[in-house]
């Protein structure tokens, strides 16, 4: 499985890159929302994670 995932992100990939526009949506929720993401790759495994907190207007909270 790691080899398969690595092949998707290989610099030798022959696929062309495509620009994708992403828009944040609060889904009509009134409150604060925590968006998180994580990733791990390699041997030894390198891992990382992060998150942002936004209000219902999409503004980052500090």
PDB file of N, CA and C in Angstrom:
ATOM      1  N   UNK A   1       0.825  -1.191   0.000  1.00  0.00           N
ATOM      2  CA  UNK A   1       0.000   0.000   0.000  1.00  0.00           C
ATOM      3  C   UNK A   1       0.871   1.258   0.000  1.00  0.00           C
ATOM      4  N   UNK A   2       1.965   1.260   0.776  1.00  0.00           N
ATOM      5  CA  UNK A   2       2.849   2.425   0.803  1.00  0.00           C
ATOM      6  C   UNK A   2       3.442   2.673  -0.580  1.00  0.00           C
ATOM      7  N   UNK A   3       3.835   1.599  -1.275  1.00  0.00           N
ATOM      8  CA  UNK A   3       4.393   1.756  -2.621  1.00  0.00           C
ATOM      9  C   UNK A   3       3.370   2.371  -3.558  1.00  0.00           C
ATOM     10  N   UNK A   4       2.116   1.970  -3.420  1.00  0.00           N
ATOM     11  CA  UNK A   4       1.058   2.534  -4.258  1.00  0.00           C
ATOM     12  C   UNK A   4       0.894   4.018  -3.973  1.00  0.00           C
ATOM     13  N   UNK A   5       0.843   4.387  -2.694  1.00  0.00           N
ATOM     14  CA  UNK A   5       0.699   5.798  -2.336  1.00  0.00           C
ATOM     15  C   UNK A   5       1.903   6.604  -2.790  1.00  0.00           C
ATOM     16  N   UNK A   6       3.094   6.047  -2.629  1.00  0.00           N
ATOM     17  CA  UNK A   6       4.304   6.744  -3.050  1.00  0.00           C
ATOM     18  C   UNK A   6       4.298   6.991  -4.549  1.00  0.00           C
ATOM     19  N   UNK A   7       3.808   6.038  -5.323  1.00  0.00           N
ATOM     20  CA  UNK A   7       3.786   6.207  -6.774  1.00  0.00           C
ATOM     21  C   UNK A   7       2.869   7.349  -7.202  1.00  0.00           C
ATOM     22  N   UNK A   8       1.828   7.622  -6.428  1.00  0.00           N
ATOM     23  CA  UNK A   8       0.935   8.730  -6.757  1.00  0.00           C
ATOM     24  C   UNK A   8       1.628  10.076  -6.609  1.00  0.00           C
ATOM     25  N   UNK A   9       2.591  10.166  -5.693  1.00  0.00           N
ATOM     26  CA  UNK A   9       3.246  11.435  -5.406  1.00  0.00           C
ATOM     27  C   UNK A   9       4.677  11.486  -5.914  1.00  0.00           C
ATOM     28  N   UNK A  10       5.070  10.540  -6.727  1.00  0.00           N
ATOM     29  CA  UNK A  10       6.425  10.463  -7.242  1.00  0.00           C
ATOM     30  C   UNK A  10       6.704  11.623  -8.190  1.00  0.00           C
ATOM     31  N   UNK A  11       7.925  12.160  -8.122  1.00  0.00           N
ATOM     32  CA  UNK A  11       8.304  13.241  -9.038  1.00  0.00           C
ATOM     33  C   UNK A  11       8.472  12.720 -10.460  1.00  0.00           C
ATOM     34  N   UNK A  12       8.543  11.401 -10.618  1.00  0.00           N
ATOM     35  CA  UNK A  12       8.683  10.801 -11.947  1.00  0.00           C
ATOM     36  C   UNK A  12       7.332  10.537 -12.593  1.00  0.00           C
ATOM     37  N   UNK A  13       6.285  10.976 -11.979  1.00  0.00           N
ATOM     38  CA  UNK A  13       4.941  10.714 -12.483  1.00  0.00           C
ATOM     39  C   UNK A  13       4.769  11.332 -13.867  1.00  0.00           C
ATOM     40  N   UNK A  14       4.080  10.625 -14.743  1.00  0.00           N
ATOM     41  CA  UNK A  14       3.864  11.113 -16.105  1.00  0.00           C
ATOM     42  C   UNK A  14       2.528  11.826 -16.255  1.00  0.00           C
ATOM     43  N   UNK A  15       1.757  11.917 -15.183  1.00  0.00           N
ATOM     44  CA  UNK A  15       0.467  12.595 -15.274  1.00  0.00           C
ATOM     45  C   UNK A  15       0.681  14.099 -15.253  1.00  0.00           C
ATOM     46  N   UNK A  16      -0.191  14.812 -15.911  1.00  0.00           N
ATOM     47  CA  UNK A  16      -0.116  16.263 -15.905  1.00  0.00           C
ATOM     48  C   UNK A  16      -0.867  16.797 -14.699  1.00  0.00           C
ATOM     49  N   UNK A  17      -0.401  17.917 -14.179  1.00  0.00           N
ATOM     50  CA  UNK A  17      -1.072  18.502 -13.021  1.00  0.00           C
ATOM     51  C   UNK A  17      -2.270  19.322 -13.489  1.00  0.00           C
ATOM     52  N   UNK A  18      -3.259  19.384 -12.643  1.00  0.00           N
ATOM     53  CA  UNK A  18      -4.481  20.107 -12.949  1.00  0.00           C
ATOM     54  C   UNK A  18      -4.807  21.012 -11.773  1.00  0.00           C
ATOM     55  N   UNK A  19      -5.106  22.265 -12.048  1.00  0.00           N
ATOM     56  CA  UNK A  19      -5.443  23.210 -10.993  1.00  0.00           C
ATOM     57  C   UNK A  19      -6.884  22.982 -10.553  1.00  0.00           C
ATOM     58  N   UNK A  20      -7.081  22.864  -9.255  1.00  0.00           N
ATOM     59  CA  UNK A  20      -8.411  22.637  -8.699  1.00  0.00           C
ATOM     60  C   UNK A  20      -8.724  23.767  -7.727  1.00  0.00           C
ATOM     61  N   UNK A  21      -9.833  24.432  -7.925  1.00  0.00           N
ATOM     62  CA  UNK A  21     -10.257  25.504  -7.032  1.00  0.00           C
ATOM     63  C   UNK A  21     -11.172  24.920  -5.964  1.00  0.00           C
ATOM     64  N   UNK A  22     -10.863  25.237  -4.717  1.00  0.00           N
ATOM     65  CA  UNK A  22     -11.624  24.708  -3.590  1.00  0.00           C
ATOM     66  C   UNK A  22     -12.214  25.875  -2.823  1.00  0.00           C
ATOM     67  N   UNK A  23     -13.466  25.762  -2.466  1.00  0.00           N
ATOM     68  CA  UNK A  23     -14.132  26.813  -1.706  1.00  0.00           C
ATOM     69  C   UNK A  23     -14.638  26.232  -0.397  1.00  0.00           C
ATOM     70  N   UNK A  24     -14.374  26.934   0.687  1.00  0.00           N
ATOM     71  CA  UNK A  24     -14.825  26.492   1.996  1.00  0.00           C
ATOM     72  C   UNK A  24     -16.302  26.810   2.141  1.00  0.00           C
ATOM     73  N   UNK A  25     -17.059  25.879   2.707  1.00  0.00           N
ATOM     74  CA  UNK A  25     -18.487  26.070   2.936  1.00  0.00           C
ATOM     75  C   UNK A  25     -18.817  25.680   4.364  1.00  0.00           C
ATOM     76  N   UNK A  26     -19.624  26.487   5.031  1.00  0.00           N
ATOM     77  CA  UNK A  26     -19.995  26.170   6.410  1.00  0.00           C
ATOM     78  C   UNK A  26     -21.254  25.319   6.480  1.00  0.00           C
ATOM     79  N   UNK A  27     -21.849  24.986   5.375  1.00  0.00           N
ATOM     80  CA  UNK A  27     -23.060  24.147   5.317  1.00  0.00           C
ATOM     81  C   UNK A  27     -24.178  24.698   6.194  1.00  0.00           C
ATOM     82  N   UNK A  28     -24.301  26.017   6.210  1.00  0.00           N
ATOM     83  CA  UNK A  28     -25.339  26.714   6.986  1.00  0.00           C
ATOM     84  C   UNK A  28     -25.274  26.398   8.474  1.00  0.00           C
ATOM     85  N   UNK A  29     -24.058  26.204   8.992  1.00  0.00           N
ATOM     86  CA  UNK A  29     -23.844  25.914  10.407  1.00  0.00           C
ATOM     87  C   UNK A  29     -23.477  27.203  11.117  1.00  0.00           C
ATOM     88  N   UNK A  30     -24.092  27.487  12.239  1.00  0.00           N
ATOM     89  CA  UNK A  30     -23.799  28.692  13.010  1.00  0.00           C
ATOM     90  C   UNK A  30     -22.955  28.301  14.219  1.00  0.00           C
ATOM     91  N   UNK A  31     -21.695  28.680  14.221  1.00  0.00           N
ATOM     92  CA  UNK A  31     -20.784  28.350  15.313  1.00  0.00           C
ATOM     93  C   UNK A  31     -19.361  28.341  14.803  1.00  0.00           C
ATOM     94  N   UNK A  32     -18.464  27.659  15.509  1.00  0.00           N
ATOM     95  CA  UNK A  32     -17.081  27.532  15.059  1.00  0.00           C
ATOM     96  C   UNK A  32     -16.859  26.123  14.526  1.00  0.00           C
ATOM     97  N   UNK A  33     -15.955  26.022  13.554  1.00  0.00           N
ATOM     98  CA  UNK A  33     -15.688  24.745  12.901  1.00  0.00           C
ATOM     99  C   UNK A  33     -14.181  24.503  12.922  1.00  0.00           C
ATOM    100  N   UNK A  34     -13.782  23.295  13.294  1.00  0.00           N
ATOM    101  CA  UNK A  34     -12.384  22.887  13.285  1.00  0.00           C
ATOM    102  C   UNK A  34     -12.151  21.995  12.074  1.00  0.00           C
ATOM    103  N   UNK A  35     -11.301  22.451  11.147  1.00  0.00           N
ATOM    104  CA  UNK A  35     -10.904  21.647   9.990  1.00  0.00           C
ATOM    105  C   UNK A  35      -9.512  21.094  10.267  1.00  0.00           C
ATOM    106  N   UNK A  36      -9.327  19.781  10.118  1.00  0.00           N
ATOM    107  CA  UNK A  36      -8.031  19.150  10.386  1.00  0.00           C
ATOM    108  C   UNK A  36      -7.607  18.298   9.198  1.00  0.00           C
ATOM    109  N   UNK A  37      -6.300  18.058   9.104  1.00  0.00           N
ATOM    110  CA  UNK A  37      -5.749  17.188   8.077  1.00  0.00           C
ATOM    111  C   UNK A  37      -4.463  16.583   8.620  1.00  0.00           C
ATOM    112  N   UNK A  38      -4.109  15.411   8.117  1.00  0.00           N
ATOM    113  CA  UNK A  38      -2.894  14.734   8.539  1.00  0.00           C
ATOM    114  C   UNK A  38      -2.327  13.955   7.373  1.00  0.00           C
ATOM    115  N   UNK A  39      -1.051  13.603   7.516  1.00  0.00           N
ATOM    116  CA  UNK A  39      -0.389  12.856   6.457  1.00  0.00           C
ATOM    117  C   UNK A  39       0.779  12.080   7.043  1.00  0.00           C
ATOM    118  N   UNK A  40       1.095  10.936   6.436  1.00  0.00           N
ATOM    119  CA  UNK A  40       2.307  10.197   6.800  1.00  0.00           C
ATOM    120  C   UNK A  40       2.844   9.527   5.542  1.00  0.00           C
ATOM    121  N   UNK A  41       4.177   9.443   5.452  1.00  0.00           N
ATOM    122  CA  UNK A  41       4.810   8.895   4.259  1.00  0.00           C
ATOM    123  C   UNK A  41       6.244   8.508   4.589  1.00  0.00           C
ATOM    124  N   UNK A  42       6.720   7.467   3.992  1.00  0.00           N
ATOM    125  CA  UNK A  42       8.133   7.126   4.059  1.00  0.00           C
ATOM    126  C   UNK A  42       8.477   6.028   5.030  1.00  0.00           C
ATOM    127  N   UNK A  43       9.759   5.689   5.013  1.00  0.00           N
ATOM    128  CA  UNK A  43      10.288   4.701   5.937  1.00  0.00           C
ATOM    129  C   UNK A  43      11.679   5.173   6.338  1.00  0.00           C
ATOM    130  N   UNK A  44      11.931   5.648   7.531  1.00  0.00           N
ATOM    131  CA  UNK A  44      10.971   5.687   8.635  1.00  0.00           C
ATOM    132  C   UNK A  44       9.842   6.663   8.341  1.00  0.00           C
ATOM    133  N   UNK A  45       8.732   6.405   8.959  1.00  0.00           N
ATOM    134  CA  UNK A  45       7.523   7.186   8.686  1.00  0.00           C
ATOM    135  C   UNK A  45       7.703   8.624   9.161  1.00  0.00           C
ATOM    136  N   UNK A  46       7.404   9.549   8.272  1.00  0.00           N
ATOM    137  CA  UNK A  46       7.339  10.970   8.620  1.00  0.00           C
ATOM    138  C   UNK A  46       5.870  11.326   8.665  1.00  0.00           C
ATOM    139  N   UNK A  47       5.457  11.994   9.712  1.00  0.00           N
ATOM    140  CA  UNK A  47       4.037  12.309   9.863  1.00  0.00           C
ATOM    141  C   UNK A  47       3.876  13.762  10.271  1.00  0.00           C
ATOM    142  N   UNK A  48       2.724  14.303   9.945  1.00  0.00           N
ATOM    143  CA  UNK A  48       2.405  15.666  10.336  1.00  0.00           C
ATOM    144  C   UNK A  48       0.905  15.852  10.381  1.00  0.00           C
ATOM    145  N   UNK A  49       0.487  16.873  11.092  1.00  0.00           N
ATOM    146  CA  UNK A  49      -0.935  17.183  11.153  1.00  0.00           C
ATOM    147  C   UNK A  49      -1.098  18.673  11.395  1.00  0.00           C
ATOM    148  N   UNK A  50      -2.284  19.152  11.153  1.00  0.00           N
ATOM    149  CA  UNK A  50      -2.570  20.557  11.374  1.00  0.00           C
ATOM    150  C   UNK A  50      -4.059  20.793  11.369  1.00  0.00           C
ATOM    151  N   UNK A  51      -4.433  21.984  11.755  1.00  0.00           N
ATOM    152  CA  UNK A  51      -5.844  22.314  11.784  1.00  0.00           C
ATOM    153  C   UNK A  51      -6.054  23.818  11.812  1.00  0.00           C
ATOM    154  N   UNK A  52      -7.233  24.230  11.452  1.00  0.00           N
ATOM    155  CA  UNK A  52      -7.635  25.634  11.530  1.00  0.00           C
ATOM    156  C   UNK A  52      -9.020  25.705  12.151  1.00  0.00           C
ATOM    157  N   UNK A  53      -9.254  26.777  12.882  1.00  0.00           N
ATOM    158  CA  UNK A  53     -10.576  27.020  13.460  1.00  0.00           C
ATOM    159  C   UNK A  53     -11.150  28.243  12.762  1.00  0.00           C
ATOM    160  N   UNK A  54     -12.371  28.102  12.263  1.00  0.00           N
ATOM    161  CA  UNK A  54     -13.042  29.196  11.551  1.00  0.00           C
ATOM    162  C   UNK A  54     -14.385  29.486  12.198  1.00  0.00           C
ATOM    163  N   UNK A  55     -14.817  30.742  12.048  1.00  0.00           N
ATOM    164  CA  UNK A  55     -16.172  31.061  12.497  1.00  0.00           C
ATOM    165  C   UNK A  55     -17.150  30.767  11.369  1.00  0.00           C
ATOM    166  N   UNK A  56     -18.424  31.013  11.595  1.00  0.00           N
ATOM    167  CA  UNK A  56     -19.430  30.665  10.587  1.00  0.00           C
ATOM    168  C   UNK A  56     -19.366  31.531   9.334  1.00  0.00           C
ATOM    169  N   UNK A  57     -18.539  32.603   9.343  1.00  0.00           N
ATOM    170  CA  UNK A  57     -18.335  33.419   8.142  1.00  0.00           C
ATOM    171  C   UNK A  57     -17.111  32.973   7.353  1.00  0.00           C
ATOM    172  N   UNK A  58     -16.365  31.996   7.882  1.00  0.00           N
ATOM    173  CA  UNK A  58     -15.187  31.496   7.192  1.00  0.00           C
ATOM    174  C   UNK A  58     -13.900  32.171   7.592  1.00  0.00           C
ATOM    175  N   UNK A  59     -13.946  33.095   8.559  1.00  0.00           N
ATOM    176  CA  UNK A  59     -12.739  33.787   9.006  1.00  0.00           C
ATOM    177  C   UNK A  59     -11.990  32.935  10.020  1.00  0.00           C
ATOM    178  N   UNK A  60     -10.647  32.952   9.930  1.00  0.00           N
ATOM    179  CA  UNK A  60      -9.806  32.203  10.865  1.00  0.00           C
ATOM    180  C   UNK A  60      -9.871  32.843  12.246  1.00  0.00           C
ATOM    181  N   UNK A  61      -9.914  32.021  13.271  1.00  0.00           N
ATOM    182  CA  UNK A  61      -9.870  32.506  14.646  1.00  0.00           C
ATOM    183  C   UNK A  61      -8.462  32.291  15.179  1.00  0.00           C
ATOM    184  N   UNK A  62      -7.976  33.238  15.979  1.00  0.00           N
ATOM    185  CA  UNK A  62      -6.620  33.084  16.528  1.00  0.00           C
ATOM    186  C   UNK A  62      -6.665  32.858  18.015  1.00  0.00           C
TER     187      UNK A  62
END
